[in-house]
Amino acid sequence: MKRIISIFLMGLTFLISCYAMAEEQKMSEKKALVVYFSKTGEQYGVGHINEGNTAIIAKMIAEHTGADLFEIKLKNDTYPSAYKALTEVALAEKKTNARPEIEGEVKNFADYNVVFIGSPNWWADMPMVLYSFIEKYNWNDKIIIPFVTHEGSGLSSIPNKIKSAAHPQKVLEGFAIYGHTAQNSREQADKEVLAWLKKLGY
């Protein structure tokens, strides 16, 4: 009897492994979108920048996956360019659970199977404008893949916050990278992005 159970469990494990491999192999065939919010101006660890850290990583992901790109922009962008002032505004928005208004929309959102969501890490969370974006759409049949730029906080609880806000079909393994690496060591950043995408099945 034990032998039969053992054989059954081995067979079940094999089938699950095969299914998981098949799912990974299909990732590159799914229609994907890279959505991101990114800030220029004065940023911690990199000084004054003309291209945001998260924007750099978003473009790398899109290039390697063939995904479309959508940049989340504020309809009325009054964020200060100075780093300390920006952190104060970000904290105030978090405390009041603000929902800044977004400019534009993804018109064919229903066509995408996979959505990469890119964000800087602000106070161990996403900027509130990302919640504004998430709440505009139906995510029930979507696979979400988060990525975050930071200077020491990593992903924090951002994947879980995305899951709670969007209620998607699935949230896959997220990616976190230092903003100064994205900004100043792009070859290294690209290698890290590629390694992560490979693990996801791209």
C-alpha atoms as a PDB file:
ATOM      1  CA  MET A   1       0.000   0.000   0.000  1.00  0.00           C
ATOM      2  CA  LYS A   2       2.828   2.399   0.921  1.00  0.00           C
ATOM      3  CA  ARG A   3       4.480   1.622  -2.416  1.00  0.00           C
ATOM      4  CA  ILE A   4       1.290   2.497  -4.313  1.00  0.00           C
ATOM      5  CA  ILE A   5       0.908   5.765  -2.412  1.00  0.00           C
ATOM      6  CA  SER A   6       4.553   6.612  -3.055  1.00  0.00           C
ATOM      7  CA  ILE A   7       4.195   5.964  -6.784  1.00  0.00           C
ATOM      8  CA  PHE A   8       1.005   8.050  -6.864  1.00  0.00           C
ATOM      9  CA  LEU A   9       2.694  10.984  -5.114  1.00  0.00           C
ATOM     10  CA  MET A  10       5.681  10.806  -7.435  1.00  0.00           C
ATOM     11  CA  GLY A  11       3.369  10.860 -10.438  1.00  0.00           C
ATOM     12  CA  LEU A  12       1.417  13.782  -9.033  1.00  0.00           C
ATOM     13  CA  THR A  13       4.628  15.737  -8.359  1.00  0.00           C
ATOM     14  CA  PHE A  14       5.781  15.061 -11.910  1.00  0.00           C
ATOM     15  CA  LEU A  15       2.488  16.303 -13.378  1.00  0.00           C
ATOM     16  CA  ILE A  16       2.600  19.476 -11.268  1.00  0.00           C
ATOM     17  CA  SER A  17       6.196  20.116 -12.373  1.00  0.00           C
ATOM     18  CA  CYS A  18       5.257  19.622 -16.019  1.00  0.00           C
ATOM     19  CA  TYR A  19       2.325  22.001 -15.649  1.00  0.00           C
ATOM     20  CA  ALA A  20       4.533  24.639 -14.032  1.00  0.00           C
ATOM     21  CA  MET A  21       7.111  24.303 -16.822  1.00  0.00           C
ATOM     22  CA  ALA A  22       4.398  24.623 -19.453  1.00  0.00           C
ATOM     23  CA  GLU A  23       3.104  27.783 -17.756  1.00  0.00           C
ATOM     24  CA  GLU A  24       6.601  29.283 -17.728  1.00  0.00           C
ATOM     25  CA  GLN A  25       7.156  28.441 -21.364  1.00  0.00           C
ATOM     26  CA  LYS A  26       3.931  30.220 -22.261  1.00  0.00           C
ATOM     27  CA  MET A  27       4.877  33.474 -20.535  1.00  0.00           C
ATOM     28  CA  SER A  28       6.718  34.810 -23.569  1.00  0.00           C
ATOM     29  CA  GLU A  29       3.630  34.146 -25.699  1.00  0.00           C
ATOM     30  CA  LYS A  30       1.306  36.229 -23.526  1.00  0.00           C
ATOM     31  CA  LYS A  31       0.494  39.817 -24.508  1.00  0.00           C
ATOM     32  CA  ALA A  32       2.281  42.009 -21.993  1.00  0.00           C
ATOM     33  CA  LEU A  33       2.209  45.610 -20.833  1.00  0.00           C
ATOM     34  CA  VAL A  34       4.778  47.453 -18.736  1.00  0.00           C
ATOM     35  CA  VAL A  35       3.145  50.152 -16.600  1.00  0.00           C
ATOM     36  CA  TYR A  36       5.348  52.414 -14.508  1.00  0.00           C
ATOM     37  CA  PHE A  37       5.557  55.627 -12.533  1.00  0.00           C
ATOM     38  CA  SER A  38       8.924  57.329 -12.255  1.00  0.00           C
ATOM     39  CA  LYS A  39      10.301  60.637 -11.040  1.00  0.00           C
ATOM     40  CA  THR A  40      13.078  62.883 -12.290  1.00  0.00           C
ATOM     41  CA  GLY A  41      14.675  65.755 -10.365  1.00  0.00           C
ATOM     42  CA  GLU A  42      16.695  65.235  -7.201  1.00  0.00           C
ATOM     43  CA  GLN A  43      16.685  61.602  -6.069  1.00  0.00           C
ATOM     44  CA  TYR A  44      18.384  59.919  -3.130  1.00  0.00           C
ATOM     45  CA  GLY A  45      21.687  58.254  -3.981  1.00  0.00           C
ATOM     46  CA  VAL A  46      21.882  59.555  -7.547  1.00  0.00           C
ATOM     47  CA  GLY A  47      21.561  63.330  -7.342  1.00  0.00           C
ATOM     48  CA  HIS A  48      19.657  65.249 -10.017  1.00  0.00           C
ATOM     49  CA  ILE A  49      18.432  62.983 -12.817  1.00  0.00           C
ATOM     50  CA  ASN A  50      16.712  63.578 -16.150  1.00  0.00           C
ATOM     51  CA  GLU A  51      15.386  60.025 -16.519  1.00  0.00           C
ATOM     52  CA  GLY A  52      13.756  58.268 -13.589  1.00  0.00           C
ATOM     53  CA  ASN A  53      15.236  55.076 -12.125  1.00  0.00           C
ATOM     54  CA  THR A  54      12.013  53.117 -12.576  1.00  0.00           C
ATOM     55  CA  ALA A  55      11.653  54.387 -16.148  1.00  0.00           C
ATOM     56  CA  ILE A  56      15.075  52.951 -17.003  1.00  0.00           C
ATOM     57  CA  ILE A  57      14.125  49.495 -15.716  1.00  0.00           C
ATOM     58  CA  ALA A  58      10.689  49.633 -17.349  1.00  0.00           C
ATOM     59  CA  LYS A  59      12.256  50.257 -20.747  1.00  0.00           C
ATOM     60  CA  MET A  60      14.675  47.357 -20.265  1.00  0.00           C
ATOM     61  CA  ILE A  61      11.800  45.010 -19.433  1.00  0.00           C
ATOM     62  CA  ALA A  62       9.817  46.165 -22.454  1.00  0.00           C
ATOM     63  CA  GLU A  63      12.826  45.728 -24.730  1.00  0.00           C
ATOM     64  CA  HIS A  64      13.521  42.180 -23.561  1.00  0.00           C
ATOM     65  CA  THR A  65       9.898  40.980 -23.507  1.00  0.00           C
ATOM     66  CA  GLY A  66       8.420  42.875 -26.443  1.00  0.00           C
ATOM     67  CA  ALA A  67       5.821  44.358 -24.075  1.00  0.00           C
ATOM     68  CA  ASP A  68       4.079  47.668 -24.669  1.00  0.00           C
ATOM     69  CA  LEU A  69       4.921  50.623 -22.398  1.00  0.00           C
ATOM     70  CA  PHE A  70       2.605  52.954 -20.498  1.00  0.00           C
ATOM     71  CA  GLU A  71       3.959  55.707 -18.276  1.00  0.00           C
ATOM     72  CA  ILE A  72       1.642  56.837 -15.480  1.00  0.00           C
ATOM     73  CA  LYS A  73       1.593  60.634 -15.426  1.00  0.00           C
ATOM     74  CA  LEU A  74      -0.114  62.982 -13.022  1.00  0.00           C
ATOM     75  CA  LYS A  75      -2.782  65.193 -14.548  1.00  0.00           C
ATOM     76  CA  ASN A  76      -1.613  68.015 -12.299  1.00  0.00           C
ATOM     77  CA  ASP A  77       2.009  67.329 -11.411  1.00  0.00           C
ATOM     78  CA  THR A  78       2.882  69.632  -8.527  1.00  0.00           C
ATOM     79  CA  TYR A  79       5.444  67.290  -6.971  1.00  0.00           C
ATOM     80  CA  PRO A  80       8.548  69.216  -5.897  1.00  0.00           C
ATOM     81  CA  SER A  81      11.822  68.374  -7.613  1.00  0.00           C
ATOM     82  CA  ALA A  82      13.829  68.600  -4.365  1.00  0.00           C
ATOM     83  CA  TYR A  83      14.195  65.179  -2.717  1.00  0.00           C
ATOM     84  CA  LYS A  84      13.351  66.088   0.900  1.00  0.00           C
ATOM     85  CA  ALA A  85      10.289  68.099  -0.109  1.00  0.00           C
ATOM     86  CA  LEU A  86       9.114  65.227  -2.311  1.00  0.00           C
ATOM     87  CA  THR A  87       9.380  62.750   0.558  1.00  0.00           C
ATOM     88  CA  GLU A  88       7.227  65.036   2.710  1.00  0.00           C
ATOM     89  CA  VAL A  89       4.530  65.247   0.027  1.00  0.00           C
ATOM     90  CA  ALA A  90       4.689  61.477  -0.507  1.00  0.00           C
ATOM     91  CA  LEU A  91       4.221  60.820   3.198  1.00  0.00           C
ATOM     92  CA  ALA A  92       1.300  63.246   3.415  1.00  0.00           C
ATOM     93  CA  GLU A  93      -0.395  61.503   0.473  1.00  0.00           C
ATOM     94  CA  LYS A  94       0.130  58.116   2.080  1.00  0.00           C
ATOM     95  CA  LYS A  95      -1.330  59.255   5.405  1.00  0.00           C
ATOM     96  CA  THR A  96      -4.457  60.631   3.718  1.00  0.00           C
ATOM     97  CA  ASN A  97      -4.736  57.666   1.303  1.00  0.00           C
ATOM     98  CA  ALA A  98      -4.750  60.162  -1.569  1.00  0.00           C
ATOM     99  CA  ARG A  99      -5.681  59.259  -5.131  1.00  0.00           C
ATOM    100  CA  PRO A 100      -3.926  61.729  -7.466  1.00  0.00           C
ATOM    101  CA  GLU A 101      -5.606  62.120 -10.837  1.00  0.00           C
ATOM    102  CA  ILE A 102      -3.955  60.443 -13.824  1.00  0.00           C
ATOM    103  CA  GLU A 103      -3.466  61.789 -17.306  1.00  0.00           C
ATOM    104  CA  GLY A 104      -4.542  59.367 -20.068  1.00  0.00           C
ATOM    105  CA  GLU A 105      -5.472  55.693 -19.945  1.00  0.00           C
ATOM    106  CA  VAL A 106      -4.667  52.293 -21.437  1.00  0.00           C
ATOM    107  CA  LYS A 107      -7.438  52.037 -24.024  1.00  0.00           C
ATOM    108  CA  ASN A 108      -6.922  48.359 -24.869  1.00  0.00           C
ATOM    109  CA  PHE A 109      -6.230  47.161 -21.311  1.00  0.00           C
ATOM    110  CA  ALA A 110      -8.488  44.100 -21.700  1.00  0.00           C
ATOM    111  CA  ASP A 111      -6.176  42.761 -24.428  1.00  0.00           C
ATOM    112  CA  TYR A 112      -3.237  42.237 -22.046  1.00  0.00           C
ATOM    113  CA  ASN A 113      -2.635  38.971 -20.188  1.00  0.00           C
ATOM    114  CA  VAL A 114       0.424  40.113 -18.225  1.00  0.00           C
ATOM    115  CA  VAL A 115       1.041  43.516 -16.658  1.00  0.00           C
ATOM    116  CA  PHE A 116       4.395  44.510 -15.187  1.00  0.00           C
ATOM    117  CA  ILE A 117       3.854  47.251 -12.602  1.00  0.00           C
ATOM    118  CA  GLY A 118       6.869  49.445 -11.868  1.00  0.00           C
ATOM    119  CA  SER A 119       7.219  51.750  -8.912  1.00  0.00           C
ATOM    120  CA  PRO A 120       9.749  53.551  -6.756  1.00  0.00           C
ATOM    121  CA  ASN A 121       9.623  52.581  -3.095  1.00  0.00           C
ATOM    122  CA  TRP A 122       8.168  55.534  -1.183  1.00  0.00           C
ATOM    123  CA  TRP A 123       7.785  54.988   2.554  1.00  0.00           C
ATOM    124  CA  ALA A 124       7.680  51.174   2.082  1.00  0.00           C
ATOM    125  CA  ASP A 125       4.806  51.571  -0.380  1.00  0.00           C
ATOM    126  CA  MET A 126       3.967  52.615  -3.899  1.00  0.00           C
ATOM    127  CA  PRO A 127       3.276  56.268  -4.672  1.00  0.00           C
ATOM    128  CA  MET A 128      -0.463  56.820  -4.268  1.00  0.00           C
ATOM    129  CA  VAL A 129      -0.849  57.549  -7.972  1.00  0.00           C
ATOM    130  CA  LEU A 130      -0.252  53.853  -8.643  1.00  0.00           C
ATOM    131  CA  TYR A 131      -3.338  53.043  -6.601  1.00  0.00           C
ATOM    132  CA  SER A 132      -5.224  55.559  -8.754  1.00  0.00           C
ATOM    133  CA  PHE A 133      -4.135  53.578 -11.793  1.00  0.00           C
ATOM    134  CA  ILE A 134      -4.880  50.144 -10.353  1.00  0.00           C
ATOM    135  CA  GLU A 135      -8.386  51.127  -9.275  1.00  0.00           C
ATOM    136  CA  LYS A 136      -9.318  52.220 -12.807  1.00  0.00           C
ATOM    137  CA  TYR A 137      -9.155  48.725 -14.276  1.00  0.00           C
ATOM    138  CA  ASN A 138     -10.412  45.153 -13.912  1.00  0.00           C
ATOM    139  CA  TRP A 139      -7.546  42.828 -13.008  1.00  0.00           C
ATOM    140  CA  ASN A 140      -9.421  39.563 -12.443  1.00  0.00           C
ATOM    141  CA  ASP A 141      -7.848  37.733 -15.390  1.00  0.00           C
ATOM    142  CA  LYS A 142      -4.433  39.430 -15.251  1.00  0.00           C
ATOM    143  CA  ILE A 143      -1.032  38.173 -14.174  1.00  0.00           C
ATOM    144  CA  ILE A 144       0.788  41.007 -12.407  1.00  0.00           C
ATOM    145  CA  ILE A 145       4.573  41.190 -12.104  1.00  0.00           C
ATOM    146  CA  PRO A 146       5.854  43.965  -9.818  1.00  0.00           C
ATOM    147  CA  PHE A 147       9.221  45.688 -10.039  1.00  0.00           C
ATOM    148  CA  VAL A 148      10.606  48.322  -7.702  1.00  0.00           C
ATOM    149  CA  THR A 149      13.537  50.731  -7.569  1.00  0.00           C
ATOM    150  CA  HIS A 150      14.802  51.659  -4.120  1.00  0.00           C
ATOM    151  CA  GLU A 151      17.815  52.644  -2.043  1.00  0.00           C
ATOM    152  CA  GLY A 152      17.659  49.981   0.642  1.00  0.00           C
ATOM    153  CA  SER A 153      14.000  49.110   1.250  1.00  0.00           C
ATOM    154  CA  GLY A 154      13.678  46.490  -1.495  1.00  0.00           C
ATOM    155  CA  LEU A 155      10.184  45.358  -2.447  1.00  0.00           C
ATOM    156  CA  SER A 156       8.862  45.955   1.101  1.00  0.00           C
ATOM    157  CA  SER A 157       5.232  44.793   1.087  1.00  0.00           C
ATOM    158  CA  ILE A 158       4.505  46.265  -2.347  1.00  0.00           C
ATOM    159  CA  PRO A 159       3.606  42.924  -4.024  1.00  0.00           C
ATOM    160  CA  ASN A 160       1.056  42.223  -1.286  1.00  0.00           C
ATOM    161  CA  LYS A 161      -0.334  45.750  -1.529  1.00  0.00           C
ATOM    162  CA  ILE A 162      -0.739  45.304  -5.290  1.00  0.00           C
ATOM    163  CA  LYS A 163      -2.488  41.981  -4.736  1.00  0.00           C
ATOM    164  CA  SER A 164      -4.892  43.515  -2.211  1.00  0.00           C
ATOM    165  CA  ALA A 165      -5.649  46.514  -4.427  1.00  0.00           C
ATOM    166  CA  ALA A 166      -6.035  44.713  -7.751  1.00  0.00           C
ATOM    167  CA  HIS A 167      -7.264  41.178  -6.888  1.00  0.00           C
ATOM    168  CA  PRO A 168      -5.574  39.744  -9.985  1.00  0.00           C
ATOM    169  CA  GLN A 169      -5.462  36.154 -11.168  1.00  0.00           C
ATOM    170  CA  LYS A 170      -1.877  35.913  -9.922  1.00  0.00           C
ATOM    171  CA  VAL A 171       1.073  38.008  -8.712  1.00  0.00           C
ATOM    172  CA  LEU A 172       4.436  36.587  -9.770  1.00  0.00           C
ATOM    173  CA  GLU A 173       7.858  37.047  -8.187  1.00  0.00           C
ATOM    174  CA  GLY A 174       8.766  40.708  -7.987  1.00  0.00           C
ATOM    175  CA  PHE A 175      12.056  42.380  -8.806  1.00  0.00           C
ATOM    176  CA  ALA A 176      13.854  45.014  -6.734  1.00  0.00           C
ATOM    177  CA  ILE A 177      16.931  46.944  -7.799  1.00  0.00           C
ATOM    178  CA  TYR A 178      18.871  49.864  -6.358  1.00  0.00           C
ATOM    179  CA  GLY A 179      18.100  53.157  -8.042  1.00  0.00           C
ATOM    180  CA  HIS A 180      21.790  54.024  -8.235  1.00  0.00           C
ATOM    181  CA  THR A 181      22.425  50.747 -10.092  1.00  0.00           C
ATOM    182  CA  ALA A 182      19.672  51.518 -12.596  1.00  0.00           C
ATOM    183  CA  GLN A 183      20.995  55.034 -13.054  1.00  0.00           C
ATOM    184  CA  ASN A 184      24.758  54.586 -13.015  1.00  0.00           C
ATOM    185  CA  SER A 185      25.457  50.909 -13.813  1.00  0.00           C
ATOM    186  CA  ARG A 186      23.057  50.154 -16.637  1.00  0.00           C
ATOM    187  CA  GLU A 187      24.935  47.145 -17.953  1.00  0.00           C
ATOM    188  CA  GLN A 188      24.716  45.519 -14.514  1.00  0.00           C
ATOM    189  CA  ALA A 189      21.061  46.516 -14.196  1.00  0.00           C
ATOM    190  CA  ASP A 190      20.301  44.955 -17.556  1.00  0.00           C
ATOM    191  CA  LYS A 191      21.969  41.673 -16.494  1.00  0.00           C
ATOM    192  CA  GLU A 192      19.857  41.582 -13.324  1.00  0.00           C
ATOM    193  CA  VAL A 193      16.681  42.278 -15.299  1.00  0.00           C
ATOM    194  CA  LEU A 194      17.497  39.506 -17.780  1.00  0.00           C
ATOM    195  CA  ALA A 195      18.214  36.986 -15.007  1.00  0.00           C
ATOM    196  CA  TRP A 196      14.875  37.788 -13.343  1.00  0.00           C
ATOM    197  CA  LEU A 197      12.939  37.583 -16.609  1.00  0.00           C
ATOM    198  CA  LYS A 198      14.533  34.220 -17.356  1.00  0.00           C
ATOM    199  CA  LYS A 199      13.270  32.878 -14.014  1.00  0.00           C
ATOM    200  CA  LEU A 200       9.786  34.051 -14.989  1.00  0.00           C
ATOM    201  CA  GLY A 201       9.919  32.135 -18.255  1.00  0.00           C
ATOM    202  CA  TYR A 202      10.966  34.867 -20.723  1.00  0.00           C
END
